[in-house]
Protein backbone atom coordinates (compact mmCIF):
# COMPACT_ATOMS: atom_id res chain seq x y z
CA UNK A 1 3.96 -6.90 6.06
CA UNK A 2 1.38 -5.07 4.00
CA UNK A 3 1.04 -4.40 0.28
CA UNK A 4 0.58 -0.71 -0.51
CA UNK A 5 -0.91 0.16 -3.91
CA UNK A 6 -1.00 3.64 -5.45
CA UNK A 7 -3.42 3.68 -8.42
CA UNK A 8 -3.39 6.76 -10.62
CA UNK A 9 -6.53 8.89 -10.74
CA UNK A 10 -5.44 10.12 -14.18
CA UNK A 11 -7.03 8.50 -17.24
CA UNK A 12 -3.85 6.87 -18.59
CA UNK A 13 -1.77 7.14 -15.45
CA UNK A 14 0.61 4.75 -13.80
CA UNK A 15 0.24 2.60 -10.71
CA UNK A 16 2.94 1.59 -8.26
CA UNK A 17 3.19 -0.94 -5.45
CA UNK A 18 5.37 -1.49 -2.41
CA UNK A 19 5.66 -3.90 0.52
CA UNK A 20 6.12 -2.59 4.05
CA UNK A 21 9.12 -3.66 6.08
CA UNK A 22 8.99 -4.51 9.80
CA UNK A 23 8.90 -0.77 10.60
CA UNK A 24 6.02 -0.09 8.20
CA UNK A 25 8.24 1.71 5.70
CA UNK A 26 7.76 1.02 2.00
CA UNK A 27 9.23 2.11 -1.32
CA UNK A 28 7.07 2.13 -4.41
CA UNK A 29 7.95 0.45 -7.70
CA UNK A 30 6.27 0.82 -11.06
CA UNK A 31 5.01 -2.28 -12.89
CA UNK A 32 8.29 -2.54 -14.83
CA UNK A 33 10.23 -2.70 -11.54
CA UNK A 34 11.58 0.85 -11.66
CA UNK A 35 11.85 2.32 -8.15
CA UNK A 36 9.70 5.41 -7.63
CA UNK A 37 6.42 6.81 -8.89
CA UNK A 38 5.30 9.38 -11.44
CA UNK A 39 3.99 12.66 -9.96
CA UNK A 40 0.20 12.88 -9.91
CA UNK A 41 -2.93 12.09 -7.92
CA UNK A 42 -3.38 8.57 -6.57
CA UNK A 43 -5.93 6.37 -4.84
CA UNK A 44 -4.21 4.37 -2.07
CA UNK A 45 -5.12 0.91 -0.81
CA UNK A 46 -3.31 -1.16 1.81
CA UNK A 47 -3.83 -4.88 2.35
CA UNK A 48 -2.33 -7.85 4.16
CA UNK A 49 -4.60 -10.47 2.57
CA UNK A 50 -2.80 -13.14 0.57
CA UNK A 51 -4.50 -15.99 -1.26
CA UNK A 52 -3.27 -19.35 0.02
CA UNK A 53 -2.59 -22.50 -1.98
CA UNK A 54 -4.93 -25.34 -0.97
CA UNK A 55 -2.90 -27.83 -3.03
CA UNK A 56 0.15 -27.02 -0.90
CA UNK A 57 -1.83 -26.79 2.33
CA UNK A 58 -1.13 -23.06 2.62
CA UNK A 59 -4.14 -21.17 4.03
CA UNK A 60 -5.21 -17.65 3.07
CA UNK A 61 -3.52 -14.94 5.12
CA UNK A 62 -6.30 -13.01 6.85
CA UNK A 63 -6.79 -9.29 6.33
CA UNK A 64 -5.82 -7.27 9.41
CA UNK A 65 -6.10 -3.82 7.81
CA UNK A 66 -9.57 -2.22 8.14
CA UNK A 67 -11.68 -2.10 4.94
CA UNK A 68 -11.44 1.70 4.95
CA UNK A 69 -7.88 1.24 3.70
CA UNK A 70 -8.46 -1.52 1.15
CA UNK A 71 -11.88 -2.66 -0.16
CA UNK A 72 -13.56 0.69 0.61
CA UNK A 73 -10.53 2.96 0.59
CA UNK A 74 -11.17 6.65 -0.06
CA UNK A 75 -7.55 7.56 0.66
CA UNK A 76 -6.09 9.84 -1.99
CA UNK A 77 -2.67 11.48 -2.13
CA UNK A 78 -0.80 13.82 -4.43
CA UNK A 79 2.76 12.89 -5.38
CA UNK A 80 4.89 15.85 -6.43
CA UNK A 81 8.16 16.03 -8.34
CA UNK A 82 9.91 17.01 -5.08
CA UNK A 83 12.23 14.46 -3.46
CA UNK A 84 10.58 14.61 -0.05
CA UNK A 85 7.27 12.86 -0.71
CA UNK A 86 6.41 10.97 2.44
CA UNK A 87 2.99 9.64 3.40
CA UNK A 88 2.12 8.37 6.87
CA UNK A 89 -0.91 6.14 7.36
CA UNK A 90 -1.83 5.53 11.02
CA UNK A 91 -3.85 2.32 10.92
CA UNK A 92 -5.41 0.31 13.72
CA UNK A 93 -5.18 -3.40 12.94
CA UNK A 94 -8.55 -5.17 12.91
CA UNK A 95 -7.58 -8.12 15.09
CA UNK A 96 -5.15 -6.40 17.44
CA UNK A 97 -5.05 -3.12 19.33
CA UNK A 98 -1.50 -2.26 18.30
CA UNK A 99 -0.92 0.35 15.61
CA UNK A 100 0.89 -0.16 12.37
CA UNK A 101 2.58 2.93 10.99
CA UNK A 102 3.24 2.85 7.26
CA UNK A 103 5.56 5.43 5.75
CA UNK A 104 6.63 5.97 2.19
CA UNK A 105 9.82 7.67 1.15
CA UNK A 106 10.65 8.54 -2.42
């Protein structure tokens, strides 16, 4: 599963985050847990990296999404007030040749 983050490009805008399911589909939630996202322009980053817990013997989860979608992401989208906002990100995993297909539905 991947974490998908939409960060507002507006000065005092909102951000929202979602986790992909096994089919790559995700729903965004605002920081207060409300499902959905405010219309506007967003910078998108997608990551699978998770910090481990050395005390518990849990290692870091390696990043399998290319840096063009996380650390160096230039992906931007516009969310409208329409109900049919859907964004598809075709991403080649770094360590495998299979594709992951992330989709968002409002």
